[in-house]
Amino acid sequence: MRGNPGGIVDSLENFLGGFFDHDVKIDDRKGRKELKPEIAKTRGRKAFSGKLIVLVDSKSMSAAEIFARVIQLEKRGAVLGDRTAGAVMESKRFVHAVELDRTNVTQYGAMVTVADLIMADGKTLENVGVTPDERILPTPADMAAGRDPVLARAAALAGVKMTPEEAGKIFPFEWPKERMPEMD
């Protein structure tokens, strides 16, 4: 879930259901009107029952951090890495159009928060995020050298011996390419 900006609620429900042998309450939605709780329906015997280790970082947002927190609350696995973004409010897209004249139409839209999501422990993740079970941060030297101590620790928990250097080769860090202004 590292770097995952989240996604659609239906996708989260379906994904979570694949890790439990029973239905799991994801959260209660708190809005202006009565809202139903979100439930992940199990896949029954098809659900993954192995050891689960979730990796998160400060760019894990929305559905990604909700997934990690449900895994923690249900004691289904371990969460490793950095505290998540704390960006989980439910929003709704409102799209509008204005006809300026017969040939020009301008469209615009806004995302409006419609509900806070309250987890099974009675707390919100908004502006708080998920605190991992083990907080592991790569140092700048780790990143420069291509080491991934978080993935190496996850491998160790799964019974696989792997150095941070070996782990860094699996999902190598890609430095952002800066754009240089064009010179005439």
N, C-alpha and C. Protein backbone atom coordinates (compact mmCIF):
# COMPACT_ATOMS: atom_id res chain seq x y z
N MET A 1 0.80 -1.19 0.00
CA MET A 1 0.00 0.00 0.00
C MET A 1 0.86 1.28 0.00
N ARG A 2 2.17 1.10 -0.04
CA ARG A 2 3.04 2.29 -0.05
C ARG A 2 2.79 3.10 -1.31
N GLY A 3 2.59 4.39 -1.13
CA GLY A 3 2.37 5.28 -2.26
C GLY A 3 1.02 5.15 -2.91
N ASN A 4 0.12 4.35 -2.35
CA ASN A 4 -1.19 4.10 -2.94
C ASN A 4 -2.14 5.22 -2.54
N PRO A 5 -2.69 5.97 -3.51
CA PRO A 5 -3.58 7.09 -3.18
C PRO A 5 -5.00 6.68 -2.81
N GLY A 6 -5.29 5.38 -2.80
CA GLY A 6 -6.62 4.92 -2.43
C GLY A 6 -7.46 4.62 -3.64
N GLY A 7 -8.78 4.66 -3.46
CA GLY A 7 -9.64 4.33 -4.59
C GLY A 7 -11.09 4.28 -4.21
N ILE A 8 -11.83 3.53 -4.96
CA ILE A 8 -13.28 3.46 -4.85
C ILE A 8 -13.68 2.52 -3.70
N VAL A 9 -14.72 2.92 -2.97
CA VAL A 9 -15.19 2.15 -1.82
C VAL A 9 -15.54 0.72 -2.21
N ASP A 10 -16.21 0.52 -3.32
CA ASP A 10 -16.59 -0.83 -3.75
C ASP A 10 -15.35 -1.71 -3.95
N SER A 11 -14.29 -1.12 -4.48
CA SER A 11 -13.04 -1.87 -4.67
C SER A 11 -12.44 -2.26 -3.32
N LEU A 12 -12.48 -1.33 -2.37
CA LEU A 12 -11.96 -1.61 -1.03
C LEU A 12 -12.75 -2.76 -0.39
N GLU A 13 -14.07 -2.70 -0.46
CA GLU A 13 -14.91 -3.75 0.13
C GLU A 13 -14.58 -5.11 -0.48
N ASN A 14 -14.46 -5.15 -1.80
CA ASN A 14 -14.16 -6.40 -2.50
C ASN A 14 -12.76 -6.91 -2.12
N PHE A 15 -11.78 -6.02 -2.09
CA PHE A 15 -10.41 -6.39 -1.77
C PHE A 15 -10.31 -6.92 -0.34
N LEU A 16 -10.88 -6.21 0.62
CA LEU A 16 -10.84 -6.64 2.02
C LEU A 16 -11.51 -7.99 2.21
N GLY A 17 -12.61 -8.22 1.51
CA GLY A 17 -13.32 -9.49 1.62
C GLY A 17 -12.47 -10.69 1.24
N GLY A 18 -11.43 -10.44 0.46
CA GLY A 18 -10.54 -11.52 0.05
C GLY A 18 -9.53 -11.93 1.10
N PHE A 19 -9.56 -11.30 2.28
CA PHE A 19 -8.59 -11.60 3.34
C PHE A 19 -9.24 -12.10 4.62
N PHE A 20 -10.57 -12.28 4.61
CA PHE A 20 -11.27 -12.70 5.81
C PHE A 20 -12.21 -13.85 5.51
N ASP A 21 -12.36 -14.75 6.50
CA ASP A 21 -13.28 -15.88 6.35
C ASP A 21 -14.66 -15.55 6.91
N HIS A 22 -14.88 -14.27 7.21
CA HIS A 22 -16.17 -13.79 7.71
C HIS A 22 -16.36 -12.35 7.23
N ASP A 23 -17.61 -11.88 7.20
CA ASP A 23 -17.87 -10.50 6.83
C ASP A 23 -17.24 -9.58 7.88
N VAL A 24 -16.72 -8.45 7.44
CA VAL A 24 -16.03 -7.52 8.33
C VAL A 24 -16.60 -6.12 8.15
N LYS A 25 -16.93 -5.50 9.27
CA LYS A 25 -17.38 -4.11 9.23
C LYS A 25 -16.15 -3.23 9.00
N ILE A 26 -16.19 -2.43 7.95
CA ILE A 26 -15.07 -1.55 7.63
C ILE A 26 -15.13 -0.29 8.49
N ASP A 27 -16.28 0.36 8.46
CA ASP A 27 -16.43 1.61 9.21
C ASP A 27 -17.89 2.01 9.28
N ASP A 28 -18.15 2.99 10.14
CA ASP A 28 -19.45 3.66 10.19
C ASP A 28 -19.25 5.00 9.50
N ARG A 29 -20.20 5.36 8.67
CA ARG A 29 -20.13 6.63 7.96
C ARG A 29 -20.96 7.66 8.71
N LYS A 30 -20.33 8.76 9.06
CA LYS A 30 -21.00 9.82 9.81
C LYS A 30 -21.16 11.04 8.92
N GLY A 31 -22.42 11.34 8.59
CA GLY A 31 -22.71 12.47 7.72
C GLY A 31 -23.92 13.23 8.24
N ARG A 32 -24.47 14.08 7.41
CA ARG A 32 -25.64 14.88 7.81
C ARG A 32 -26.89 14.03 7.98
N LYS A 33 -26.97 12.96 7.20
CA LYS A 33 -28.12 12.07 7.31
C LYS A 33 -27.65 10.69 7.74
N GLU A 34 -28.58 9.82 8.05
CA GLU A 34 -28.26 8.44 8.46
C GLU A 34 -27.61 7.70 7.31
N LEU A 35 -26.43 7.15 7.55
CA LEU A 35 -25.70 6.42 6.52
C LEU A 35 -25.42 5.00 7.00
N LYS A 36 -25.45 4.06 6.07
CA LYS A 36 -25.20 2.66 6.42
C LYS A 36 -23.70 2.43 6.60
N PRO A 37 -23.34 1.52 7.51
CA PRO A 37 -21.92 1.16 7.65
C PRO A 37 -21.44 0.43 6.41
N GLU A 38 -20.14 0.48 6.17
CA GLU A 38 -19.56 -0.24 5.04
C GLU A 38 -19.09 -1.61 5.54
N ILE A 39 -19.48 -2.63 4.80
CA ILE A 39 -19.18 -4.02 5.18
C ILE A 39 -18.42 -4.69 4.03
N ALA A 40 -17.35 -5.40 4.38
CA ALA A 40 -16.64 -6.22 3.40
C ALA A 40 -17.18 -7.64 3.50
N LYS A 41 -17.76 -8.12 2.43
CA LYS A 41 -18.31 -9.48 2.40
C LYS A 41 -17.19 -10.47 2.09
N THR A 42 -17.13 -11.51 2.89
CA THR A 42 -16.08 -12.52 2.75
C THR A 42 -16.19 -13.27 1.43
N ARG A 43 -15.09 -13.83 1.02
CA ARG A 43 -15.09 -14.76 -0.12
C ARG A 43 -15.09 -16.19 0.39
N GLY A 44 -15.34 -16.31 1.69
CA GLY A 44 -15.46 -17.64 2.30
C GLY A 44 -14.17 -18.44 2.21
N ARG A 45 -14.27 -19.65 1.71
CA ARG A 45 -13.09 -20.53 1.63
C ARG A 45 -12.08 -20.04 0.60
N LYS A 46 -12.49 -19.14 -0.28
CA LYS A 46 -11.57 -18.61 -1.28
C LYS A 46 -10.70 -17.47 -0.73
N ALA A 47 -11.00 -17.01 0.47
CA ALA A 47 -10.24 -15.90 1.06
C ALA A 47 -8.82 -16.34 1.38
N PHE A 48 -7.87 -15.44 1.20
CA PHE A 48 -6.47 -15.72 1.53
C PHE A 48 -6.35 -15.86 3.04
N SER A 49 -5.78 -16.97 3.49
CA SER A 49 -5.68 -17.22 4.93
C SER A 49 -4.24 -17.22 5.44
N GLY A 50 -3.30 -16.92 4.55
CA GLY A 50 -1.88 -16.91 4.93
C GLY A 50 -1.51 -15.70 5.76
N LYS A 51 -0.24 -15.62 6.09
CA LYS A 51 0.30 -14.50 6.87
C LYS A 51 0.19 -13.23 6.04
N LEU A 52 -0.26 -12.16 6.68
CA LEU A 52 -0.47 -10.90 5.96
C LEU A 52 0.37 -9.80 6.59
N ILE A 53 1.15 -9.13 5.75
CA ILE A 53 1.98 -8.02 6.18
C ILE A 53 1.71 -6.87 5.23
N VAL A 54 1.26 -5.74 5.76
CA VAL A 54 0.88 -4.59 4.96
C VAL A 54 1.94 -3.51 5.12
N LEU A 55 2.48 -3.02 3.99
CA LEU A 55 3.47 -1.97 4.02
C LEU A 55 2.80 -0.64 3.67
N VAL A 56 3.02 0.38 4.51
CA VAL A 56 2.42 1.70 4.30
C VAL A 56 3.49 2.78 4.43
N ASP A 57 3.17 3.96 3.91
CA ASP A 57 4.04 5.11 4.09
C ASP A 57 3.19 6.37 4.13
N SER A 58 3.82 7.52 4.17
CA SER A 58 3.08 8.78 4.31
C SER A 58 2.27 9.12 3.06
N LYS A 59 2.47 8.40 1.97
CA LYS A 59 1.69 8.61 0.76
C LYS A 59 0.59 7.56 0.59
N SER A 60 0.39 6.71 1.59
CA SER A 60 -0.73 5.77 1.59
C SER A 60 -1.95 6.56 2.04
N MET A 61 -2.97 6.64 1.21
CA MET A 61 -4.13 7.47 1.51
C MET A 61 -5.44 6.73 1.31
N SER A 62 -6.48 7.30 1.88
CA SER A 62 -7.85 6.91 1.61
C SER A 62 -8.07 5.40 1.81
N ALA A 63 -8.53 4.72 0.77
CA ALA A 63 -8.84 3.29 0.89
C ALA A 63 -7.63 2.47 1.29
N ALA A 64 -6.42 2.89 0.90
CA ALA A 64 -5.21 2.14 1.26
C ALA A 64 -4.99 2.17 2.77
N GLU A 65 -5.21 3.33 3.39
CA GLU A 65 -5.00 3.38 4.83
C GLU A 65 -6.17 2.77 5.60
N ILE A 66 -7.36 2.81 5.04
CA ILE A 66 -8.49 2.13 5.67
C ILE A 66 -8.24 0.62 5.65
N PHE A 67 -7.73 0.10 4.52
CA PHE A 67 -7.39 -1.32 4.44
C PHE A 67 -6.40 -1.69 5.55
N ALA A 68 -5.34 -0.91 5.69
CA ALA A 68 -4.32 -1.20 6.71
C ALA A 68 -4.92 -1.16 8.11
N ARG A 69 -5.78 -0.19 8.38
CA ARG A 69 -6.35 -0.07 9.72
C ARG A 69 -7.31 -1.22 10.03
N VAL A 70 -8.09 -1.66 9.06
CA VAL A 70 -8.98 -2.80 9.29
C VAL A 70 -8.15 -4.05 9.59
N ILE A 71 -7.07 -4.24 8.86
CA ILE A 71 -6.19 -5.39 9.13
C ILE A 71 -5.67 -5.33 10.56
N GLN A 72 -5.29 -4.14 11.02
CA GLN A 72 -4.82 -3.97 12.40
C GLN A 72 -5.92 -4.25 13.41
N LEU A 73 -7.07 -3.61 13.23
CA LEU A 73 -8.15 -3.74 14.20
C LEU A 73 -8.67 -5.17 14.31
N GLU A 74 -8.68 -5.87 13.20
CA GLU A 74 -9.15 -7.26 13.20
C GLU A 74 -8.05 -8.24 13.58
N LYS A 75 -6.85 -7.71 13.85
CA LYS A 75 -5.69 -8.53 14.22
C LYS A 75 -5.42 -9.61 13.16
N ARG A 76 -5.56 -9.21 11.90
CA ARG A 76 -5.40 -10.13 10.78
C ARG A 76 -3.96 -10.16 10.26
N GLY A 77 -3.17 -9.13 10.58
CA GLY A 77 -1.80 -9.09 10.09
C GLY A 77 -1.04 -7.93 10.71
N ALA A 78 0.17 -7.73 10.25
CA ALA A 78 1.03 -6.65 10.76
C ALA A 78 1.11 -5.53 9.74
N VAL A 79 1.21 -4.30 10.24
CA VAL A 79 1.37 -3.13 9.40
C VAL A 79 2.75 -2.55 9.69
N LEU A 80 3.56 -2.36 8.63
CA LEU A 80 4.92 -1.85 8.77
C LEU A 80 5.11 -0.60 7.93
N GLY A 81 5.99 0.28 8.39
CA GLY A 81 6.37 1.44 7.59
C GLY A 81 6.21 2.73 8.36
N ASP A 82 5.69 3.74 7.68
CA ASP A 82 5.51 5.08 8.24
C ASP A 82 4.02 5.35 8.46
N ARG A 83 3.71 6.37 9.26
CA ARG A 83 2.32 6.76 9.47
C ARG A 83 1.71 7.21 8.14
N THR A 84 0.47 6.80 7.91
CA THR A 84 -0.20 7.13 6.65
C THR A 84 -0.69 8.58 6.63
N ALA A 85 -1.21 9.00 5.50
CA ALA A 85 -1.54 10.41 5.25
C ALA A 85 -2.68 10.97 6.10
N GLY A 86 -3.64 10.14 6.49
CA GLY A 86 -4.79 10.66 7.23
C GLY A 86 -5.75 11.43 6.33
N ALA A 87 -5.99 10.91 5.15
CA ALA A 87 -6.87 11.55 4.17
C ALA A 87 -7.95 10.55 3.76
N VAL A 88 -9.00 10.45 4.58
CA VAL A 88 -9.97 9.37 4.36
C VAL A 88 -11.43 9.81 4.28
N MET A 89 -11.72 11.07 4.34
CA MET A 89 -13.12 11.49 4.28
C MET A 89 -13.77 11.02 2.98
N GLU A 90 -15.04 10.66 3.06
CA GLU A 90 -15.78 10.27 1.86
C GLU A 90 -16.25 11.53 1.16
N SER A 91 -16.04 11.57 -0.14
CA SER A 91 -16.47 12.75 -0.88
C SER A 91 -17.32 12.33 -2.07
N LYS A 92 -18.03 13.30 -2.58
CA LYS A 92 -18.89 13.08 -3.73
C LYS A 92 -18.56 14.14 -4.78
N ARG A 93 -18.55 13.71 -6.04
CA ARG A 93 -18.24 14.63 -7.13
C ARG A 93 -19.54 15.28 -7.63
N PHE A 94 -19.50 16.58 -7.77
CA PHE A 94 -20.61 17.34 -8.32
C PHE A 94 -20.11 18.03 -9.58
N VAL A 95 -20.72 17.70 -10.73
CA VAL A 95 -20.31 18.26 -12.01
C VAL A 95 -21.42 19.16 -12.52
N HIS A 96 -21.03 20.31 -13.04
CA HIS A 96 -21.99 21.29 -13.55
C HIS A 96 -21.50 21.81 -14.90
N ALA A 97 -22.41 22.43 -15.63
CA ALA A 97 -22.06 23.06 -16.90
C ALA A 97 -22.80 24.38 -17.00
N VAL A 98 -22.13 25.35 -17.60
CA VAL A 98 -22.73 26.65 -17.83
C VAL A 98 -22.66 26.94 -19.32
N GLU A 99 -23.82 27.26 -19.90
CA GLU A 99 -23.85 27.59 -21.32
C GLU A 99 -23.60 29.08 -21.44
N LEU A 100 -22.45 29.44 -22.02
CA LEU A 100 -22.10 30.85 -22.18
C LEU A 100 -22.82 31.46 -23.36
N ASP A 101 -22.90 30.72 -24.43
CA ASP A 101 -23.71 31.07 -25.59
C ASP A 101 -24.00 29.77 -26.32
N ARG A 102 -24.58 29.82 -27.49
CA ARG A 102 -25.00 28.61 -28.19
C ARG A 102 -23.84 27.68 -28.54
N THR A 103 -22.63 28.18 -28.61
CA THR A 103 -21.51 27.34 -29.02
C THR A 103 -20.49 27.09 -27.91
N ASN A 104 -20.61 27.79 -26.80
CA ASN A 104 -19.63 27.63 -25.73
C ASN A 104 -20.28 27.16 -24.44
N VAL A 105 -19.83 25.99 -23.99
CA VAL A 105 -20.29 25.44 -22.72
C VAL A 105 -19.06 25.20 -21.86
N THR A 106 -19.10 25.70 -20.66
CA THR A 106 -17.99 25.48 -19.73
C THR A 106 -18.45 24.50 -18.67
N GLN A 107 -17.66 23.46 -18.48
CA GLN A 107 -17.96 22.49 -17.43
C GLN A 107 -17.02 22.72 -16.26
N TYR A 108 -17.55 22.48 -15.08
CA TYR A 108 -16.73 22.58 -13.87
C TYR A 108 -17.29 21.61 -12.85
N GLY A 109 -16.51 21.37 -11.83
CA GLY A 109 -16.97 20.44 -10.81
C GLY A 109 -16.26 20.67 -9.49
N ALA A 110 -16.75 19.98 -8.50
CA ALA A 110 -16.15 20.07 -7.17
C ALA A 110 -16.32 18.74 -6.46
N MET A 111 -15.35 18.43 -5.63
CA MET A 111 -15.45 17.27 -4.74
C MET A 111 -15.83 17.83 -3.38
N VAL A 112 -16.93 17.32 -2.83
CA VAL A 112 -17.43 17.81 -1.56
C VAL A 112 -17.45 16.67 -0.55
N THR A 113 -16.90 16.91 0.63
CA THR A 113 -16.91 15.90 1.69
C THR A 113 -18.34 15.68 2.15
N VAL A 114 -18.75 14.41 2.19
CA VAL A 114 -20.11 14.08 2.60
C VAL A 114 -20.18 13.23 3.85
N ALA A 115 -19.04 12.62 4.25
CA ALA A 115 -19.08 11.76 5.44
C ALA A 115 -17.67 11.57 6.01
N ASP A 116 -17.62 11.47 7.33
CA ASP A 116 -16.41 11.04 8.01
C ASP A 116 -16.55 9.54 8.22
N LEU A 117 -15.45 8.84 8.24
CA LEU A 117 -15.47 7.39 8.40
C LEU A 117 -14.94 7.06 9.78
N ILE A 118 -15.77 6.41 10.59
CA ILE A 118 -15.42 6.06 11.96
C ILE A 118 -15.10 4.57 12.00
N MET A 119 -13.88 4.27 12.42
CA MET A 119 -13.41 2.88 12.43
C MET A 119 -14.01 2.12 13.61
N ALA A 120 -13.78 0.81 13.66
CA ALA A 120 -14.37 -0.05 14.69
C ALA A 120 -13.93 0.33 16.11
N ASP A 121 -12.80 1.04 16.24
CA ASP A 121 -12.35 1.48 17.56
C ASP A 121 -12.98 2.81 17.96
N GLY A 122 -13.91 3.32 17.14
CA GLY A 122 -14.60 4.57 17.45
C GLY A 122 -13.84 5.82 17.04
N LYS A 123 -12.73 5.66 16.35
CA LYS A 123 -11.89 6.81 15.98
C LYS A 123 -11.89 7.02 14.47
N THR A 124 -11.61 8.25 14.09
CA THR A 124 -11.45 8.59 12.68
C THR A 124 -9.97 8.57 12.32
N LEU A 125 -9.68 8.34 11.07
CA LEU A 125 -8.31 8.39 10.59
C LEU A 125 -7.98 9.75 9.98
N GLU A 126 -9.01 10.57 9.77
CA GLU A 126 -8.81 11.86 9.13
C GLU A 126 -7.84 12.72 9.93
N ASN A 127 -6.82 13.23 9.27
CA ASN A 127 -5.76 14.06 9.86
C ASN A 127 -4.94 13.32 10.92
N VAL A 128 -5.13 12.01 11.06
CA VAL A 128 -4.40 11.21 12.05
C VAL A 128 -3.58 10.14 11.35
N GLY A 129 -4.21 9.41 10.44
CA GLY A 129 -3.55 8.33 9.73
C GLY A 129 -3.47 7.06 10.56
N VAL A 130 -2.82 6.07 10.00
CA VAL A 130 -2.61 4.78 10.64
C VAL A 130 -1.18 4.75 11.16
N THR A 131 -1.04 4.45 12.44
CA THR A 131 0.29 4.25 13.01
C THR A 131 0.64 2.79 12.84
N PRO A 132 1.72 2.49 12.13
CA PRO A 132 2.05 1.08 11.90
C PRO A 132 2.42 0.35 13.19
N ASP A 133 2.28 -0.96 13.17
CA ASP A 133 2.69 -1.78 14.31
C ASP A 133 4.20 -1.65 14.54
N GLU A 134 4.95 -1.57 13.45
CA GLU A 134 6.39 -1.32 13.51
C GLU A 134 6.68 -0.14 12.60
N ARG A 135 7.14 0.94 13.21
CA ARG A 135 7.48 2.13 12.41
C ARG A 135 8.91 1.97 11.91
N ILE A 136 9.05 1.83 10.61
CA ILE A 136 10.35 1.64 9.98
C ILE A 136 10.46 2.65 8.84
N LEU A 137 11.46 3.51 8.92
CA LEU A 137 11.65 4.52 7.89
C LEU A 137 13.01 4.32 7.22
N PRO A 138 13.02 4.29 5.90
CA PRO A 138 14.32 4.27 5.23
C PRO A 138 15.00 5.62 5.43
N THR A 139 16.29 5.59 5.66
CA THR A 139 17.05 6.83 5.80
C THR A 139 17.35 7.38 4.41
N PRO A 140 17.75 8.64 4.33
CA PRO A 140 18.18 9.15 3.02
C PRO A 140 19.31 8.31 2.42
N ALA A 141 20.21 7.82 3.28
CA ALA A 141 21.30 6.96 2.78
C ALA A 141 20.75 5.65 2.22
N ASP A 142 19.70 5.08 2.87
CA ASP A 142 19.07 3.87 2.36
C ASP A 142 18.50 4.13 0.97
N MET A 143 17.80 5.23 0.83
CA MET A 143 17.17 5.55 -0.45
C MET A 143 18.22 5.78 -1.54
N ALA A 144 19.27 6.52 -1.20
CA ALA A 144 20.32 6.79 -2.19
C ALA A 144 21.03 5.52 -2.62
N ALA A 145 21.17 4.56 -1.70
CA ALA A 145 21.85 3.31 -2.00
C ALA A 145 20.90 2.24 -2.55
N GLY A 146 19.62 2.54 -2.64
CA GLY A 146 18.66 1.57 -3.17
C GLY A 146 18.29 0.49 -2.18
N ARG A 147 18.41 0.76 -0.87
CA ARG A 147 18.05 -0.23 0.16
C ARG A 147 16.60 -0.03 0.59
N ASP A 148 15.93 -1.14 0.91
CA ASP A 148 14.54 -1.09 1.38
C ASP A 148 14.43 -1.86 2.69
N PRO A 149 14.70 -1.19 3.84
CA PRO A 149 14.63 -1.88 5.12
C PRO A 149 13.22 -2.31 5.51
N VAL A 150 12.21 -1.64 5.00
CA VAL A 150 10.83 -2.00 5.33
C VAL A 150 10.47 -3.34 4.69
N LEU A 151 10.75 -3.48 3.42
CA LEU A 151 10.46 -4.73 2.73
C LEU A 151 11.32 -5.87 3.29
N ALA A 152 12.56 -5.56 3.66
CA ALA A 152 13.42 -6.59 4.25
C ALA A 152 12.84 -7.08 5.58
N ARG A 153 12.30 -6.18 6.39
CA ARG A 153 11.68 -6.58 7.66
C ARG A 153 10.43 -7.40 7.40
N ALA A 154 9.62 -7.00 6.42
CA ALA A 154 8.42 -7.76 6.07
C ALA A 154 8.80 -9.18 5.65
N ALA A 155 9.85 -9.30 4.85
CA ALA A 155 10.31 -10.62 4.42
C ALA A 155 10.73 -11.45 5.62
N ALA A 156 11.43 -10.84 6.57
CA ALA A 156 11.86 -11.56 7.78
C ALA A 156 10.66 -12.07 8.56
N LEU A 157 9.61 -11.24 8.68
CA LEU A 157 8.40 -11.67 9.39
C LEU A 157 7.72 -12.84 8.67
N ALA A 158 7.90 -12.91 7.36
CA ALA A 158 7.32 -14.00 6.58
C ALA A 158 8.23 -15.22 6.52
N GLY A 159 9.39 -15.12 7.19
CA GLY A 159 10.30 -16.27 7.22
C GLY A 159 11.28 -16.31 6.07
N VAL A 160 11.46 -15.20 5.37
CA VAL A 160 12.38 -15.13 4.24
C VAL A 160 13.57 -14.26 4.62
N LYS A 161 14.76 -14.78 4.42
CA LYS A 161 15.96 -14.02 4.74
C LYS A 161 16.31 -13.14 3.53
N MET A 162 16.35 -11.81 3.76
CA MET A 162 16.60 -10.87 2.68
C MET A 162 17.25 -9.63 3.26
N THR A 163 18.30 -9.16 2.63
CA THR A 163 18.95 -7.93 3.09
C THR A 163 18.19 -6.72 2.55
N PRO A 164 18.35 -5.57 3.16
CA PRO A 164 17.74 -4.36 2.60
C PRO A 164 18.20 -4.08 1.18
N GLU A 165 19.43 -4.44 0.84
CA GLU A 165 19.93 -4.26 -0.53
C GLU A 165 19.17 -5.16 -1.50
N GLU A 166 18.96 -6.42 -1.11
CA GLU A 166 18.20 -7.34 -1.97
C GLU A 166 16.75 -6.87 -2.11
N ALA A 167 16.17 -6.42 -1.01
CA ALA A 167 14.78 -5.94 -1.05
C ALA A 167 14.64 -4.72 -1.95
N GLY A 168 15.65 -3.85 -1.92
CA GLY A 168 15.61 -2.65 -2.74
C GLY A 168 15.62 -2.93 -4.23
N LYS A 169 16.11 -4.09 -4.63
CA LYS A 169 16.16 -4.45 -6.05
C LYS A 169 14.81 -4.96 -6.56
N ILE A 170 13.93 -5.37 -5.64
CA ILE A 170 12.62 -5.90 -6.06
C ILE A 170 11.72 -4.77 -6.57
N PHE A 171 11.63 -3.71 -5.79
CA PHE A 171 10.85 -2.53 -6.18
C PHE A 171 11.77 -1.32 -6.06
N PRO A 172 12.63 -1.10 -7.04
CA PRO A 172 13.61 -0.02 -6.90
C PRO A 172 12.94 1.36 -6.83
N PHE A 173 13.50 2.20 -5.96
CA PHE A 173 13.00 3.56 -5.82
C PHE A 173 13.33 4.34 -7.08
N GLU A 174 12.36 5.07 -7.58
CA GLU A 174 12.59 5.88 -8.77
C GLU A 174 12.56 7.34 -8.37
N TRP A 175 13.68 7.99 -8.55
CA TRP A 175 13.77 9.41 -8.24
C TRP A 175 12.95 10.19 -9.25
N PRO A 176 12.21 11.21 -8.78
CA PRO A 176 11.41 12.01 -9.73
C PRO A 176 12.33 12.72 -10.72
N LYS A 177 11.90 12.74 -11.96
CA LYS A 177 12.67 13.43 -12.99
C LYS A 177 12.21 14.89 -12.99
N GLU A 178 13.15 15.76 -12.73
CA GLU A 178 12.81 17.18 -12.71
C GLU A 178 12.87 17.72 -14.12
N ARG A 179 11.94 18.55 -14.42
CA ARG A 179 11.93 19.17 -15.74
C ARG A 179 12.79 20.42 -15.69
N MET A 180 13.64 20.52 -16.65
CA MET A 180 14.47 21.70 -16.79
C MET A 180 13.79 22.66 -17.75
N PRO A 181 13.80 23.95 -17.43
CA PRO A 181 13.19 24.90 -18.36
C PRO A 181 13.98 24.89 -19.67
N GLU A 182 13.23 24.99 -20.75
CA GLU A 182 13.89 25.01 -22.06
C GLU A 182 14.60 26.33 -22.26
N MET A 183 15.80 26.22 -22.77
CA MET A 183 16.61 27.41 -23.03
C MET A 183 16.61 27.68 -24.51
N ASP A 184 16.47 28.92 -24.88
CA ASP A 184 16.52 29.30 -26.31
C ASP A 184 17.91 29.66 -26.73
